[in-house]
Amino acid sequence: MEINYTSATRMMGGFPKIRKCGAISPCGENSPFVWKDSQNNGKETLMRLELSDPSHGTDPNQQTVALIRNYETGEIVSRLGIGCYYYSLYQEQGTVYILGTVSSPGKLCGEEIRIFSSRDLKNWDERSLLKNPGWQYFNTSLTKGPNGYILLLEANKPAEYVGAHPFTLFFASSPDLVNWTFMSYDKGFSKERYMGGPFLKYSRGWYYLLSVTEFPCQRYTNYIYRTKDFDTWEVGFYNPILMPSDEDRIISPHAHDLSDELIEDIRTGFISSNSDIDMCEYQGKTIITYNVGNQLGFYYLAEAEYDGPIDEFFEAYFR
């Protein structure tokens, strides 16, 4: 069930102020995170997981890889996850976990999710996280609530569960990141429209979901929702979160690996999509990263900021 606004709804908080900071990378789906280096007195460094795909999603036979990039210097500190696509990141107690969807032959999706873990961003352990034969998974997102871990899985098959629209979000739970139980497929959200590029995070008693939706004429943006039970979802008051704008064409001072050709494409290319939001908290701000492009093979990575912590950012959309 979905709870939307009514004639009695009042917007008491005002639209949350997000400041777009510009293009930062030629890569795709990503996750920013703060790395505490135990070998350097616990120094905090802003890092970013990025999907590197030379074809930008147009050729499933191209080799793709997950990159770990230093935000300030642009240095690539790790490469991993070959054979996977749609990487996402979760961090807990000094361990970084990266999830990758195993690509089926000739496709950029699959029925298996693998998990990679490291305590130094250089040496990685790898294993299968879960597998669901007959399903086609794309993006994932992992978070931890009071009763254990919740894994979000974006799927477009089987049709009898996904429904008439291209993507629907499903969920699985685990007490230990090893043993998983799929929630009822009836909880798939939402079967009424396109739901892609998801980000899920537990905060102050709620599971907050950011997901891409499609507007007419191939325009894409992000909506925010929240739930406590994965049955009833509240729709944020201040949707959509980001829309394509000329601010997306700014080149950030923290940009790395942008070729002259890509910079020209950023200046004049057709953009109709702000998608695949991810975020982390750093120095009291919410650091937001997202893809800009047109869902037709042209995209790049951009960043934005909210002046406040993540918990405050989420709550601001429901006041």
C-alpha atoms as a PDB file:
ATOM      1  CA  MET A   1       0.000   0.000   0.000  1.00  0.00           C
ATOM      2  CA  GLU A   2       1.185   3.484  -0.856  1.00  0.00           C
ATOM      3  CA  ILE A   3       0.362   6.576   1.227  1.00  0.00           C
ATOM      4  CA  ASN A   4       0.457   9.808  -0.763  1.00  0.00           C
ATOM      5  CA  TYR A   5      -0.534  13.369   0.094  1.00  0.00           C
ATOM      6  CA  THR A   6      -4.166  14.385   0.598  1.00  0.00           C
ATOM      7  CA  SER A   7      -6.093  17.647   0.620  1.00  0.00           C
ATOM      8  CA  ALA A   8      -5.183  17.977   4.310  1.00  0.00           C
ATOM      9  CA  THR A   9      -1.414  17.604   3.805  1.00  0.00           C
ATOM     10  CA  ARG A  10       0.722  20.608   4.764  1.00  0.00           C
ATOM     11  CA  MET A  11       4.379  21.126   3.803  1.00  0.00           C
ATOM     12  CA  MET A  12       5.860  22.505   7.013  1.00  0.00           C
ATOM     13  CA  GLY A  13       9.584  22.072   6.355  1.00  0.00           C
ATOM     14  CA  GLY A  14      10.130  23.596   2.927  1.00  0.00           C
ATOM     15  CA  PHE A  15      11.900  21.993  -0.010  1.00  0.00           C
ATOM     16  CA  PRO A  16      15.258  20.523   1.087  1.00  0.00           C
ATOM     17  CA  LYS A  17      18.097  22.519  -0.440  1.00  0.00           C
ATOM     18  CA  ILE A  18      20.481  20.426  -2.530  1.00  0.00           C
ATOM     19  CA  ARG A  19      23.470  22.155  -4.117  1.00  0.00           C
ATOM     20  CA  LYS A  20      24.690  20.601  -7.356  1.00  0.00           C
ATOM     21  CA  CYS A  21      28.502  20.650  -7.605  1.00  0.00           C
ATOM     22  CA  GLY A  22      29.066  19.326 -11.129  1.00  0.00           C
ATOM     23  CA  ALA A  23      30.552  16.456 -13.122  1.00  0.00           C
ATOM     24  CA  ILE A  24      33.241  14.390 -11.403  1.00  0.00           C
ATOM     25  CA  SER A  25      33.865  11.163 -13.351  1.00  0.00           C
ATOM     26  CA  PRO A  26      33.137   9.399 -16.655  1.00  0.00           C
ATOM     27  CA  CYS A  27      31.931   6.318 -14.758  1.00  0.00           C
ATOM     28  CA  GLY A  28      28.458   4.994 -13.985  1.00  0.00           C
ATOM     29  CA  GLU A  29      26.636   3.627 -10.938  1.00  0.00           C
ATOM     30  CA  ASN A  30      28.545   4.508  -7.803  1.00  0.00           C
ATOM     31  CA  SER A  31      28.649   4.741  -4.006  1.00  0.00           C
ATOM     32  CA  PRO A  32      30.546   7.395  -2.020  1.00  0.00           C
ATOM     33  CA  PHE A  33      31.896   6.315   1.359  1.00  0.00           C
ATOM     34  CA  VAL A  34      34.206   7.449   4.144  1.00  0.00           C
ATOM     35  CA  TRP A  35      37.253   5.277   4.701  1.00  0.00           C
ATOM     36  CA  LYS A  36      38.909   5.231   8.124  1.00  0.00           C
ATOM     37  CA  ASP A  37      42.481   4.103   7.531  1.00  0.00           C
ATOM     38  CA  SER A  38      43.568   2.081  10.570  1.00  0.00           C
ATOM     39  CA  GLN A  39      47.165   2.214   9.301  1.00  0.00           C
ATOM     40  CA  ASN A  40      47.101   6.009   9.283  1.00  0.00           C
ATOM     41  CA  ASN A  41      45.761   6.827  12.777  1.00  0.00           C
ATOM     42  CA  GLY A  42      42.165   6.368  11.633  1.00  0.00           C
ATOM     43  CA  LYS A  43      42.345   9.239   9.147  1.00  0.00           C
ATOM     44  CA  GLU A  44      39.032   9.741   7.343  1.00  0.00           C
ATOM     45  CA  THR A  45      39.181   9.905   3.557  1.00  0.00           C
ATOM     46  CA  LEU A  46      36.273  10.373   1.188  1.00  0.00           C
ATOM     47  CA  MET A  47      36.277   7.569  -1.384  1.00  0.00           C
ATOM     48  CA  ARG A  48      33.973   6.414  -4.143  1.00  0.00           C
ATOM     49  CA  LEU A  49      33.012   3.079  -5.685  1.00  0.00           C
ATOM     50  CA  GLU A  50      32.424   3.471  -9.432  1.00  0.00           C
ATOM     51  CA  LEU A  51      31.278   1.233 -12.273  1.00  0.00           C
ATOM     52  CA  SER A  52      33.726   1.415 -15.188  1.00  0.00           C
ATOM     53  CA  ASP A  53      32.091   0.308 -18.441  1.00  0.00           C
ATOM     54  CA  PRO A  54      33.734   1.389 -21.748  1.00  0.00           C
ATOM     55  CA  SER A  55      30.480   0.839 -23.656  1.00  0.00           C
ATOM     56  CA  HIS A  56      28.250   2.748 -21.196  1.00  0.00           C
ATOM     57  CA  GLY A  57      25.782  -0.108 -21.135  1.00  0.00           C
ATOM     58  CA  THR A  58      25.537  -0.629 -24.882  1.00  0.00           C
ATOM     59  CA  ASP A  59      27.720  -3.753 -25.244  1.00  0.00           C
ATOM     60  CA  PRO A  60      27.386  -6.595 -22.706  1.00  0.00           C
ATOM     61  CA  ASN A  61      30.514  -8.231 -24.136  1.00  0.00           C
ATOM     62  CA  GLN A  62      32.762  -5.427 -22.912  1.00  0.00           C
ATOM     63  CA  GLN A  63      34.662  -6.120 -19.696  1.00  0.00           C
ATOM     64  CA  THR A  64      33.454  -4.062 -16.748  1.00  0.00           C
ATOM     65  CA  VAL A  65      35.097  -3.507 -13.382  1.00  0.00           C
ATOM     66  CA  ALA A  66      34.463  -1.813 -10.047  1.00  0.00           C
ATOM     67  CA  LEU A  67      36.898   0.984  -9.183  1.00  0.00           C
ATOM     68  CA  ILE A  68      37.681   2.418  -5.760  1.00  0.00           C
ATOM     69  CA  ARG A  69      38.707   6.053  -6.240  1.00  0.00           C
ATOM     70  CA  ASN A  70      40.169   8.599  -3.831  1.00  0.00           C
ATOM     71  CA  TYR A  71      37.839  11.604  -4.005  1.00  0.00           C
ATOM     72  CA  GLU A  72      40.539  14.259  -3.598  1.00  0.00           C
ATOM     73  CA  THR A  73      43.391  12.840  -5.639  1.00  0.00           C
ATOM     74  CA  GLY A  74      41.503  10.740  -8.172  1.00  0.00           C
ATOM     75  CA  GLU A  75      43.822   7.811  -7.485  1.00  0.00           C
ATOM     76  CA  ILE A  76      42.355   4.389  -8.251  1.00  0.00           C
ATOM     77  CA  VAL A  77      43.249   2.318  -5.196  1.00  0.00           C
ATOM     78  CA  SER A  78      41.529  -0.934  -6.207  1.00  0.00           C
ATOM     79  CA  ARG A  79      39.949  -2.763  -9.147  1.00  0.00           C
ATOM     80  CA  LEU A  80      37.671  -5.739  -8.575  1.00  0.00           C
ATOM     81  CA  GLY A  81      34.458  -7.489  -9.532  1.00  0.00           C
ATOM     82  CA  ILE A  82      35.188  -8.455 -13.130  1.00  0.00           C
ATOM     83  CA  GLY A  83      32.227 -10.377 -14.511  1.00  0.00           C
ATOM     84  CA  CYS A  84      29.735  -8.368 -12.488  1.00  0.00           C
ATOM     85  CA  TYR A  85      27.731  -5.214 -13.107  1.00  0.00           C
ATOM     86  CA  TYR A  86      25.669  -2.774 -10.979  1.00  0.00           C
ATOM     87  CA  TYR A  87      28.002  -2.586  -7.999  1.00  0.00           C
ATOM     88  CA  SER A  88      26.859  -1.224  -4.632  1.00  0.00           C
ATOM     89  CA  LEU A  89      28.580  -0.731  -1.293  1.00  0.00           C
ATOM     90  CA  TYR A  90      27.920  -1.318   2.395  1.00  0.00           C
ATOM     91  CA  GLN A  91      30.326  -0.595   5.255  1.00  0.00           C
ATOM     92  CA  GLU A  92      30.396  -1.919   8.807  1.00  0.00           C
ATOM     93  CA  GLN A  93      32.987  -2.112  11.624  1.00  0.00           C
ATOM     94  CA  GLY A  94      36.006  -1.438   9.439  1.00  0.00           C
ATOM     95  CA  THR A  95      34.963  -3.782   6.632  1.00  0.00           C
ATOM     96  CA  VAL A  96      33.880  -2.589   3.200  1.00  0.00           C
ATOM     97  CA  TYR A  97      31.438  -4.851   1.358  1.00  0.00           C
ATOM     98  CA  ILE A  98      30.828  -4.520  -2.370  1.00  0.00           C
ATOM     99  CA  LEU A  99      27.949  -6.287  -4.073  1.00  0.00           C
ATOM    100  CA  GLY A 100      28.019  -7.080  -7.774  1.00  0.00           C
ATOM    101  CA  THR A 101      25.330  -8.598  -9.968  1.00  0.00           C
ATOM    102  CA  VAL A 102      26.845 -11.455 -11.986  1.00  0.00           C
ATOM    103  CA  SER A 103      26.299 -10.828 -15.685  1.00  0.00           C
ATOM    104  CA  SER A 104      24.585 -13.663 -17.531  1.00  0.00           C
ATOM    105  CA  PRO A 105      26.013 -14.386 -21.020  1.00  0.00           C
ATOM    106  CA  GLY A 106      25.185 -11.507 -23.350  1.00  0.00           C
ATOM    107  CA  LYS A 107      23.409  -9.510 -20.627  1.00  0.00           C
ATOM    108  CA  LEU A 108      24.168  -6.825 -18.051  1.00  0.00           C
ATOM    109  CA  CYS A 109      22.052  -8.551 -15.410  1.00  0.00           C
ATOM    110  CA  GLY A 110      21.720 -11.974 -13.844  1.00  0.00           C
ATOM    111  CA  GLU A 111      20.316 -14.288 -11.191  1.00  0.00           C
ATOM    112  CA  GLU A 112      23.277 -14.225  -8.784  1.00  0.00           C
ATOM    113  CA  ILE A 113      24.715 -11.564  -6.474  1.00  0.00           C
ATOM    114  CA  ARG A 114      28.344 -11.824  -5.333  1.00  0.00           C
ATOM    115  CA  ILE A 115      29.859 -10.065  -2.336  1.00  0.00           C
ATOM    116  CA  PHE A 116      33.429  -8.813  -1.984  1.00  0.00           C
ATOM    117  CA  SER A 117      34.878  -7.765   1.385  1.00  0.00           C
ATOM    118  CA  SER A 118      38.042  -5.985   2.479  1.00  0.00           C
ATOM    119  CA  ARG A 119      39.541  -4.273   5.506  1.00  0.00           C
ATOM    120  CA  ASP A 120      42.261  -2.434   3.566  1.00  0.00           C
ATOM    121  CA  LEU A 121      40.661  -1.715   0.135  1.00  0.00           C
ATOM    122  CA  LYS A 122      43.402  -3.777  -1.512  1.00  0.00           C
ATOM    123  CA  ASN A 123      42.909  -7.412  -0.550  1.00  0.00           C
ATOM    124  CA  TRP A 124      39.421  -8.747  -1.256  1.00  0.00           C
ATOM    125  CA  ASP A 125      37.582 -11.907  -0.273  1.00  0.00           C
ATOM    126  CA  GLU A 126      34.800 -13.031  -2.607  1.00  0.00           C
ATOM    127  CA  ARG A 127      31.831 -15.377  -2.391  1.00  0.00           C
ATOM    128  CA  SER A 128      28.305 -15.853  -3.668  1.00  0.00           C
ATOM    129  CA  LEU A 129      25.798 -13.876  -1.607  1.00  0.00           C
ATOM    130  CA  LEU A 130      22.599 -15.330  -3.043  1.00  0.00           C
ATOM    131  CA  LYS A 131      21.182 -16.829  -6.216  1.00  0.00           C
ATOM    132  CA  ASN A 132      17.612 -17.002  -7.492  1.00  0.00           C
ATOM    133  CA  PRO A 133      17.294 -19.041 -10.707  1.00  0.00           C
ATOM    134  CA  GLY A 134      15.002 -17.575 -13.343  1.00  0.00           C
ATOM    135  CA  TRP A 135      15.291 -14.008 -12.037  1.00  0.00           C
ATOM    136  CA  GLN A 136      17.038 -11.063 -13.696  1.00  0.00           C
ATOM    137  CA  TYR A 137      18.573  -8.709 -11.152  1.00  0.00           C
ATOM    138  CA  PHE A 138      20.129  -5.341 -11.836  1.00  0.00           C
ATOM    139  CA  ASN A 139      20.966  -2.821  -9.093  1.00  0.00           C
ATOM    140  CA  THR A 140      21.158  -3.794  -5.420  1.00  0.00           C
ATOM    141  CA  SER A 141      21.354  -1.952  -2.114  1.00  0.00           C
ATOM    142  CA  LEU A 142      22.209  -3.321   1.332  1.00  0.00           C
ATOM    143  CA  THR A 143      21.409  -1.828   4.735  1.00  0.00           C
ATOM    144  CA  LYS A 144      21.078  -2.983   8.326  1.00  0.00           C
ATOM    145  CA  GLY A 145      18.075  -2.449  10.583  1.00  0.00           C
ATOM    146  CA  PRO A 146      17.189  -3.518  14.127  1.00  0.00           C
ATOM    147  CA  ASN A 147      16.377  -7.088  13.034  1.00  0.00           C
ATOM    148  CA  GLY A 148      19.279  -7.713  10.687  1.00  0.00           C
ATOM    149  CA  TYR A 149      20.290  -7.001   7.122  1.00  0.00           C
ATOM    150  CA  ILE A 150      17.941  -6.068   4.299  1.00  0.00           C
ATOM    151  CA  LEU A 151      18.970  -6.525   0.686  1.00  0.00           C
ATOM    152  CA  LEU A 152      17.072  -4.670  -2.031  1.00  0.00           C
ATOM    153  CA  LEU A 153      17.067  -6.241  -5.503  1.00  0.00           C
ATOM    154  CA  GLU A 154      15.912  -4.514  -8.691  1.00  0.00           C
ATOM    155  CA  ALA A 155      14.399  -7.039 -11.113  1.00  0.00           C
ATOM    156  CA  ASN A 156      12.626  -7.188 -14.472  1.00  0.00           C
ATOM    157  CA  LYS A 157      11.909 -10.941 -14.627  1.00  0.00           C
ATOM    158  CA  PRO A 158       9.934 -13.171 -13.984  1.00  0.00           C
ATOM    159  CA  ALA A 159       7.050 -11.208 -15.466  1.00  0.00           C
ATOM    160  CA  GLU A 160       4.461 -12.849 -13.190  1.00  0.00           C
ATOM    161  CA  TYR A 161       6.093 -11.195 -10.169  1.00  0.00           C
ATOM    162  CA  VAL A 162       7.513  -8.016 -11.670  1.00  0.00           C
ATOM    163  CA  GLY A 163       4.330  -6.908 -13.387  1.00  0.00           C
ATOM    164  CA  ALA A 164       3.807  -4.835 -16.525  1.00  0.00           C
ATOM    165  CA  HIS A 165       6.530  -2.242 -15.902  1.00  0.00           C
ATOM    166  CA  PRO A 166      10.261  -2.754 -16.628  1.00  0.00           C
ATOM    167  CA  PHE A 167      11.595  -2.763 -13.056  1.00  0.00           C
ATOM    168  CA  THR A 168      10.263  -3.653  -9.605  1.00  0.00           C
ATOM    169  CA  LEU A 169      12.070  -3.757  -6.263  1.00  0.00           C
ATOM    170  CA  PHE A 170      12.142  -6.915  -4.119  1.00  0.00           C
ATOM    171  CA  PHE A 171      13.685  -7.622  -0.717  1.00  0.00           C
ATOM    172  CA  ALA A 172      15.528 -10.316   1.216  1.00  0.00           C
ATOM    173  CA  SER A 173      16.586 -10.441   4.872  1.00  0.00           C
ATOM    174  CA  SER A 174      19.479 -12.048   6.729  1.00  0.00           C
ATOM    175  CA  PRO A 175      20.778 -12.168  10.310  1.00  0.00           C
ATOM    176  CA  ASP A 176      24.397 -12.678   9.253  1.00  0.00           C
ATOM    177  CA  LEU A 177      25.004 -11.820   5.553  1.00  0.00           C
ATOM    178  CA  VAL A 178      25.135 -15.559   4.864  1.00  0.00           C
ATOM    179  CA  ASN A 179      21.655 -17.049   5.278  1.00  0.00           C
ATOM    180  CA  TRP A 180      18.991 -15.212   3.295  1.00  0.00           C
ATOM    181  CA  THR A 181      15.198 -15.330   3.238  1.00  0.00           C
ATOM    182  CA  PHE A 182      13.304 -13.710   0.385  1.00  0.00           C
ATOM    183  CA  MET A 183      10.387 -11.596   1.490  1.00  0.00           C
ATOM    184  CA  SER A 184       7.081 -12.430  -0.152  1.00  0.00           C
ATOM    185  CA  TYR A 185       7.161 -11.426  -3.808  1.00  0.00           C
ATOM    186  CA  ASP A 186       3.822  -9.738  -3.145  1.00  0.00           C
ATOM    187  CA  LYS A 187       5.864  -7.052  -1.360  1.00  0.00           C
ATOM    188  CA  GLY A 188       7.484  -6.042  -4.666  1.00  0.00           C
ATOM    189  CA  PHE A 189       7.443  -2.239  -4.864  1.00  0.00           C
ATOM    190  CA  SER A 190       6.030  -0.703  -6.917  1.00  0.00           C
ATOM    191  CA  LYS A 191       4.377  -2.813  -9.563  1.00  0.00           C
ATOM    192  CA  GLU A 192       2.474   0.257 -10.749  1.00  0.00           C
ATOM    193  CA  ARG A 193       5.408   2.067 -12.427  1.00  0.00           C
ATOM    194  CA  TYR A 194       9.089   1.991 -13.379  1.00  0.00           C
ATOM    195  CA  MET A 195      11.324   1.639 -10.277  1.00  0.00           C
ATOM    196  CA  GLY A 196      15.073   1.537 -10.939  1.00  0.00           C
ATOM    197  CA  GLY A 197      18.496   2.600  -9.641  1.00  0.00           C
ATOM    198  CA  PRO A 198      17.523   2.128  -5.965  1.00  0.00           C
ATOM    199  CA  PHE A 199      19.221   3.177  -2.726  1.00  0.00           C
ATOM    200  CA  LEU A 200      17.984   1.809   0.626  1.00  0.00           C
ATOM    201  CA  LYS A 201      19.083   2.948   4.088  1.00  0.00           C
ATOM    202  CA  TYR A 202      17.753   2.426   7.609  1.00  0.00           C
ATOM    203  CA  SER A 203      17.490   5.601   9.680  1.00  0.00           C
ATOM    204  CA  ARG A 204      15.708   6.378  12.966  1.00  0.00           C
ATOM    205  CA  GLY A 205      13.090   3.648  12.755  1.00  0.00           C
ATOM    206  CA  TRP A 206      12.413   3.873   9.020  1.00  0.00           C
ATOM    207  CA  TYR A 207      13.739   2.271   5.855  1.00  0.00           C
ATOM    208  CA  TYR A 208      14.212   5.070   3.346  1.00  0.00           C
ATOM    209  CA  LEU A 209      14.164   4.286  -0.362  1.00  0.00           C
ATOM    210  CA  LEU A 210      15.341   6.478  -3.222  1.00  0.00           C
ATOM    211  CA  SER A 211      14.399   5.155  -6.634  1.00  0.00           C
ATOM    212  CA  VAL A 212      14.331   6.280 -10.250  1.00  0.00           C
ATOM    213  CA  THR A 213      11.003   6.771 -11.939  1.00  0.00           C
ATOM    214  CA  GLU A 214      10.223   7.506 -15.589  1.00  0.00           C
ATOM    215  CA  PHE A 215       8.326  10.581 -16.756  1.00  0.00           C
ATOM    216  CA  PRO A 216       6.790  10.869 -20.255  1.00  0.00           C
ATOM    217  CA  CYS A 217       9.155  11.262 -23.228  1.00  0.00           C
ATOM    218  CA  GLN A 218      12.026   9.357 -21.573  1.00  0.00           C
ATOM    219  CA  ARG A 219      12.698  11.733 -18.686  1.00  0.00           C
ATOM    220  CA  TYR A 220      14.018  10.172 -15.484  1.00  0.00           C
ATOM    221  CA  THR A 221      14.302  11.422 -11.934  1.00  0.00           C
ATOM    222  CA  ASN A 222      14.348  10.210  -8.319  1.00  0.00           C
ATOM    223  CA  TYR A 223      11.579   9.852  -5.715  1.00  0.00           C
ATOM    224  CA  ILE A 224      11.919   9.173  -2.001  1.00  0.00           C
ATOM    225  CA  TYR A 225       9.729   6.805   0.031  1.00  0.00           C
ATOM    226  CA  ARG A 226       9.857   5.251   3.487  1.00  0.00           C
ATOM    227  CA  THR A 227       8.472   2.175   5.217  1.00  0.00           C
ATOM    228  CA  LYS A 228       8.663   0.282   8.485  1.00  0.00           C
ATOM    229  CA  ASP A 229       7.260  -3.061   7.317  1.00  0.00           C
ATOM    230  CA  PHE A 230       7.759  -3.227   3.507  1.00  0.00           C
ATOM    231  CA  ASP A 231       3.973  -3.382   3.130  1.00  0.00           C
ATOM    232  CA  THR A 232       3.048   0.272   3.581  1.00  0.00           C
ATOM    233  CA  TRP A 233       5.109   2.972   1.873  1.00  0.00           C
ATOM    234  CA  GLU A 234       4.889   6.714   2.491  1.00  0.00           C
ATOM    235  CA  VAL A 235       5.666   8.999  -0.432  1.00  0.00           C
ATOM    236  CA  GLY A 236       7.918  11.976   0.345  1.00  0.00           C
ATOM    237  CA  PHE A 237       6.268  15.412   0.227  1.00  0.00           C
ATOM    238  CA  TYR A 238       9.006  17.098  -1.822  1.00  0.00           C
ATOM    239  CA  ASN A 239       9.418  14.771  -4.786  1.00  0.00           C
ATOM    240  CA  PRO A 240      11.118  14.634  -7.206  1.00  0.00           C
ATOM    241  CA  ILE A 241      14.534  14.989  -5.599  1.00  0.00           C
ATOM    242  CA  LEU A 242      16.702  15.947  -8.584  1.00  0.00           C
ATOM    243  CA  MET A 243      15.836  16.995 -12.124  1.00  0.00           C
ATOM    244  CA  PRO A 244      18.244  17.546 -15.058  1.00  0.00           C
ATOM    245  CA  SER A 245      19.482  21.141 -15.217  1.00  0.00           C
ATOM    246  CA  ASP A 246      22.325  23.281 -16.533  1.00  0.00           C
ATOM    247  CA  GLU A 247      24.005  22.839 -13.152  1.00  0.00           C
ATOM    248  CA  ASP A 248      24.726  19.270 -14.255  1.00  0.00           C
ATOM    249  CA  ARG A 249      27.068  20.708 -16.917  1.00  0.00           C
ATOM    250  CA  ILE A 250      29.409  22.327 -14.382  1.00  0.00           C
ATOM    251  CA  ILE A 251      32.820  20.668 -14.150  1.00  0.00           C
ATOM    252  CA  SER A 252      33.564  20.046 -10.479  1.00  0.00           C
ATOM    253  CA  PRO A 253      37.003  21.021  -9.140  1.00  0.00           C
ATOM    254  CA  HIS A 254      37.133  17.434  -7.876  1.00  0.00           C
ATOM    255  CA  ALA A 255      36.649  15.955 -11.376  1.00  0.00           C
ATOM    256  CA  HIS A 256      39.052  13.272 -12.578  1.00  0.00           C
ATOM    257  CA  ASP A 257      39.562  11.423 -15.885  1.00  0.00           C
ATOM    258  CA  LEU A 258      37.219  13.651 -17.911  1.00  0.00           C
ATOM    259  CA  SER A 259      38.523  13.707 -21.486  1.00  0.00           C
ATOM    260  CA  ASP A 260      38.255  16.809 -23.672  1.00  0.00           C
ATOM    261  CA  GLU A 261      35.682  14.937 -25.758  1.00  0.00           C
ATOM    262  CA  LEU A 262      33.556  14.103 -22.737  1.00  0.00           C
ATOM    263  CA  ILE A 263      33.782  17.675 -21.434  1.00  0.00           C
ATOM    264  CA  GLU A 264      32.398  18.870 -24.769  1.00  0.00           C
ATOM    265  CA  ASP A 265      29.635  16.250 -24.571  1.00  0.00           C
ATOM    266  CA  ILE A 266      28.818  17.429 -21.052  1.00  0.00           C
ATOM    267  CA  ARG A 267      28.542  20.987 -22.387  1.00  0.00           C
ATOM    268  CA  THR A 268      26.152  20.206 -25.243  1.00  0.00           C
ATOM    269  CA  GLY A 269      24.901  16.601 -24.919  1.00  0.00           C
ATOM    270  CA  PHE A 270      21.203  15.872 -24.484  1.00  0.00           C
ATOM    271  CA  ILE A 271      20.481  15.185 -20.826  1.00  0.00           C
ATOM    272  CA  SER A 272      17.089  13.969 -19.655  1.00  0.00           C
ATOM    273  CA  SER A 273      18.044  11.933 -16.591  1.00  0.00           C
ATOM    274  CA  ASN A 274      19.260  12.391 -13.028  1.00  0.00           C
ATOM    275  CA  SER A 275      19.393   8.827 -11.724  1.00  0.00           C
ATOM    276  CA  ASP A 276      21.019   6.229  -9.452  1.00  0.00           C
ATOM    277  CA  ILE A 277      21.480   8.400  -6.376  1.00  0.00           C
ATOM    278  CA  ASP A 278      23.801   7.190  -3.640  1.00  0.00           C
ATOM    279  CA  MET A 279      25.146   9.087  -0.640  1.00  0.00           C
ATOM    280  CA  CYS A 280      27.239   9.181   2.502  1.00  0.00           C
ATOM    281  CA  GLU A 281      27.850  11.557   5.385  1.00  0.00           C
ATOM    282  CA  TYR A 282      31.138  13.444   5.505  1.00  0.00           C
ATOM    283  CA  GLN A 283      32.186  16.343   7.744  1.00  0.00           C
ATOM    284  CA  GLY A 284      28.607  17.120   8.703  1.00  0.00           C
ATOM    285  CA  LYS A 285      27.286  17.147   5.117  1.00  0.00           C
ATOM    286  CA  THR A 286      25.397  14.637   3.024  1.00  0.00           C
ATOM    287  CA  ILE A 287      27.480  13.899  -0.071  1.00  0.00           C
ATOM    288  CA  ILE A 288      25.196  12.881  -2.951  1.00  0.00           C
ATOM    289  CA  THR A 289      26.395  11.270  -6.167  1.00  0.00           C
ATOM    290  CA  TYR A 290      24.222  10.531  -9.203  1.00  0.00           C
ATOM    291  CA  ASN A 291      24.305   9.785 -12.915  1.00  0.00           C
ATOM    292  CA  VAL A 292      23.523  12.436 -15.511  1.00  0.00           C
ATOM    293  CA  GLY A 293      22.642  11.380 -19.056  1.00  0.00           C
ATOM    294  CA  ASN A 294      19.827  10.249 -21.324  1.00  0.00           C
ATOM    295  CA  GLN A 295      19.489   6.474 -20.701  1.00  0.00           C
ATOM    296  CA  LEU A 296      20.636   5.920 -24.306  1.00  0.00           C
ATOM    297  CA  GLY A 297      24.349   5.315 -23.742  1.00  0.00           C
ATOM    298  CA  PHE A 298      25.446   8.812 -22.691  1.00  0.00           C
ATOM    299  CA  TYR A 299      26.104   9.373 -19.013  1.00  0.00           C
ATOM    300  CA  TYR A 300      28.607  10.702 -16.512  1.00  0.00           C
ATOM    301  CA  LEU A 301      28.875  10.953 -12.757  1.00  0.00           C
ATOM    302  CA  ALA A 302      28.000  14.150 -10.876  1.00  0.00           C
ATOM    303  CA  GLU A 303      27.897  15.206  -7.240  1.00  0.00           C
ATOM    304  CA  ALA A 304      25.742  17.355  -4.986  1.00  0.00           C
ATOM    305  CA  GLU A 305      25.627  18.333  -1.308  1.00  0.00           C
ATOM    306  CA  TYR A 306      23.060  18.823   1.428  1.00  0.00           C
ATOM    307  CA  ASP A 307      24.163  20.911   4.401  1.00  0.00           C
ATOM    308  CA  GLY A 308      23.312  18.452   7.143  1.00  0.00           C
ATOM    309  CA  PRO A 309      23.592  14.797   8.160  1.00  0.00           C
ATOM    310  CA  ILE A 310      21.858  11.969   6.301  1.00  0.00           C
ATOM    311  CA  ASP A 311      19.254  11.393   9.035  1.00  0.00           C
ATOM    312  CA  GLU A 312      18.191  15.025   8.736  1.00  0.00           C
ATOM    313  CA  PHE A 313      18.184  14.824   4.931  1.00  0.00           C
ATOM    314  CA  PHE A 314      15.766  11.894   4.947  1.00  0.00           C
ATOM    315  CA  GLU A 315      13.421  13.385   7.513  1.00  0.00           C
ATOM    316  CA  ALA A 316      13.299  16.702   5.655  1.00  0.00           C
ATOM    317  CA  TYR A 317      11.287  15.075   2.852  1.00  0.00           C
ATOM    318  CA  PHE A 318       8.464  14.095   5.218  1.00  0.00           C
ATOM    319  CA  ARG A 319       7.895  17.336   7.141  1.00  0.00           C
END
